[in-house]
Amino acid sequence: MEVKVLNISGKETGAKVQLPESVFGITPV
């Protein structure tokens, strides 16, 4: 799962973080 990184103002920083779906307790379809 790819998540965009936002700065303190809620603007996209252009950075992205890879997180496992299990972090959110969801099951990929």
PDB file of N, CA and C in Angstrom:
ATOM      1  N   MET A   1       0.852  -1.187   0.000  1.00  0.00           N
ATOM      2  CA  MET A   1       0.000   0.000   0.000  1.00  0.00           C
ATOM      3  C   MET A   1       0.883   1.229   0.000  1.00  0.00           C
ATOM      4  N   GLU A   2       0.554   2.178  -0.862  1.00  0.00           N
ATOM      5  CA  GLU A   2       1.364   3.383  -0.963  1.00  0.00           C
ATOM      6  C   GLU A   2       0.605   4.556  -0.370  1.00  0.00           C
ATOM      7  N   VAL A   3       1.235   5.286   0.526  1.00  0.00           N
ATOM      8  CA  VAL A   3       0.594   6.411   1.198  1.00  0.00           C
ATOM      9  C   VAL A   3       1.395   7.672   0.932  1.00  0.00           C
ATOM     10  N   LYS A   4       0.710   8.732   0.519  1.00  0.00           N
ATOM     11  CA  LYS A   4       1.398  10.000   0.297  1.00  0.00           C
ATOM     12  C   LYS A   4       1.695  10.665   1.635  1.00  0.00           C
ATOM     13  N   VAL A   5       2.837  11.315   1.717  1.00  0.00           N
ATOM     14  CA  VAL A   5       3.238  12.000   2.938  1.00  0.00           C
ATOM     15  C   VAL A   5       2.834  13.467   2.825  1.00  0.00           C
ATOM     16  N   LEU A   6       2.094  13.935   3.830  1.00  0.00           N
ATOM     17  CA  LEU A   6       1.689  15.339   3.850  1.00  0.00           C
ATOM     18  C   LEU A   6       2.503  16.082   4.897  1.00  0.00           C
ATOM     19  N   ASN A   7       2.742  17.374   4.636  1.00  0.00           N
ATOM     20  CA  ASN A   7       3.440  18.165   5.643  1.00  0.00           C
ATOM     21  C   ASN A   7       2.432  18.721   6.643  1.00  0.00           C
ATOM     22  N   ILE A   8       2.878  19.530   7.565  1.00  0.00           N
ATOM     23  CA  ILE A   8       2.039  20.034   8.658  1.00  0.00           C
ATOM     24  C   ILE A   8       0.848  20.832   8.139  1.00  0.00           C
ATOM     25  N   SER A   9       0.981  21.398   6.940  1.00  0.00           N
ATOM     26  CA  SER A   9      -0.111  22.190   6.370  1.00  0.00           C
ATOM     27  C   SER A   9      -1.085  21.329   5.574  1.00  0.00           C
ATOM     28  N   GLY A  10      -0.779  20.042   5.450  1.00  0.00           N
ATOM     29  CA  GLY A  10      -1.649  19.146   4.697  1.00  0.00           C
ATOM     30  C   GLY A  10      -1.337  19.145   3.210  1.00  0.00           C
ATOM     31  N   LYS A  11      -0.203  19.736   2.849  1.00  0.00           N
ATOM     32  CA  LYS A  11       0.214  19.744   1.445  1.00  0.00           C
ATOM     33  C   LYS A  11       1.031  18.496   1.147  1.00  0.00           C
ATOM     34  N   GLU A  12       0.914  18.007  -0.087  1.00  0.00           N
ATOM     35  CA  GLU A  12       1.718  16.846  -0.452  1.00  0.00           C
ATOM     36  C   GLU A  12       3.189  17.247  -0.542  1.00  0.00           C
ATOM     37  N   THR A  13       4.042  16.438   0.067  1.00  0.00           N
ATOM     38  CA  THR A  13       5.473  16.720   0.025  1.00  0.00           C
ATOM     39  C   THR A  13       6.126  16.057  -1.177  1.00  0.00           C
ATOM     40  N   GLY A  14       5.379  15.181  -1.842  1.00  0.00           N
ATOM     41  CA  GLY A  14       5.946  14.448  -2.962  1.00  0.00           C
ATOM     42  C   GLY A  14       6.553  13.133  -2.512  1.00  0.00           C
ATOM     43  N   ALA A  15       6.668  12.959  -1.193  1.00  0.00           N
ATOM     44  CA  ALA A  15       7.205  11.709  -0.666  1.00  0.00           C
ATOM     45  C   ALA A  15       6.081  10.697  -0.525  1.00  0.00           C
ATOM     46  N   LYS A  16       6.437   9.434  -0.671  1.00  0.00           N
ATOM     47  CA  LYS A  16       5.450   8.373  -0.497  1.00  0.00           C
ATOM     48  C   LYS A  16       6.040   7.295   0.392  1.00  0.00           C
ATOM     49  N   VAL A  17       5.181   6.676   1.170  1.00  0.00           N
ATOM     50  CA  VAL A  17       5.631   5.650   2.101  1.00  0.00           C
ATOM     51  C   VAL A  17       4.921   4.346   1.787  1.00  0.00           C
ATOM     52  N   GLN A  18       5.680   3.275   1.779  1.00  0.00           N
ATOM     53  CA  GLN A  18       5.086   1.960   1.550  1.00  0.00           C
ATOM     54  C   GLN A  18       4.688   1.366   2.901  1.00  0.00           C
ATOM     55  N   LEU A  19       3.400   1.057   3.063  1.00  0.00           N
ATOM     56  CA  LEU A  19       2.930   0.456   4.301  1.00  0.00           C
ATOM     57  C   LEU A  19       2.197  -0.838   3.991  1.00  0.00           C
ATOM     58  N   PRO A  20       2.389  -1.841   4.841  1.00  0.00           N
ATOM     59  CA  PRO A  20       1.641  -3.089   4.654  1.00  0.00           C
ATOM     60  C   PRO A  20       0.177  -2.858   4.979  1.00  0.00           C
ATOM     61  N   GLU A  21      -0.718  -3.498   4.208  1.00  0.00           N
ATOM     62  CA  GLU A  21      -2.145  -3.324   4.423  1.00  0.00           C
ATOM     63  C   GLU A  21      -2.549  -3.738   5.834  1.00  0.00           C
ATOM     64  N   SER A  22      -1.796  -4.650   6.423  1.00  0.00           N
ATOM     65  CA  SER A  22      -2.142  -5.161   7.749  1.00  0.00           C
ATOM     66  C   SER A  22      -2.079  -4.075   8.822  1.00  0.00           C
ATOM     67  N   VAL A  23      -1.342  -3.000   8.549  1.00  0.00           N
ATOM     68  CA  VAL A  23      -1.246  -1.895   9.499  1.00  0.00           C
ATOM     69  C   VAL A  23      -2.628  -1.306   9.759  1.00  0.00           C
ATOM     70  N   PHE A  24      -3.461  -1.303   8.715  1.00  0.00           N
ATOM     71  CA  PHE A  24      -4.782  -0.700   8.827  1.00  0.00           C
ATOM     72  C   PHE A  24      -5.865  -1.729   9.127  1.00  0.00           C
ATOM     73  N   GLY A  25      -5.459  -2.985   9.222  1.00  0.00           N
ATOM     74  CA  GLY A  25      -6.410  -4.036   9.533  1.00  0.00           C
ATOM     75  C   GLY A  25      -7.385  -4.303   8.403  1.00  0.00           C
ATOM     76  N   ILE A  26      -6.969  -4.019   7.162  1.00  0.00           N
ATOM     77  CA  ILE A  26      -7.843  -4.275   6.021  1.00  0.00           C
ATOM     78  C   ILE A  26      -7.286  -5.416   5.191  1.00  0.00           C
ATOM     79  N   THR A  27      -8.140  -6.022   4.429  1.00  0.00           N
ATOM     80  CA  THR A  27      -7.716  -7.115   3.563  1.00  0.00           C
ATOM     81  C   THR A  27      -7.749  -6.654   2.114  1.00  0.00           C
ATOM     82  N   PRO A  28      -6.622  -6.705   1.414  1.00  0.00           N
ATOM     83  CA  PRO A  28      -6.612  -6.331  -0.004  1.00  0.00           C
ATOM     84  C   PRO A  28      -7.577  -7.204  -0.795  1.00  0.00           C
ATOM     85  N   VAL A  29      -8.297  -6.607  -1.699  1.00  0.00           N
ATOM     86  CA  VAL A  29      -9.269  -7.357  -2.496  1.00  0.00           C
ATOM     87  C   VAL A  29      -8.543  -8.077  -3.631  1.00  0.00           C
TER      88      VAL A  29
END
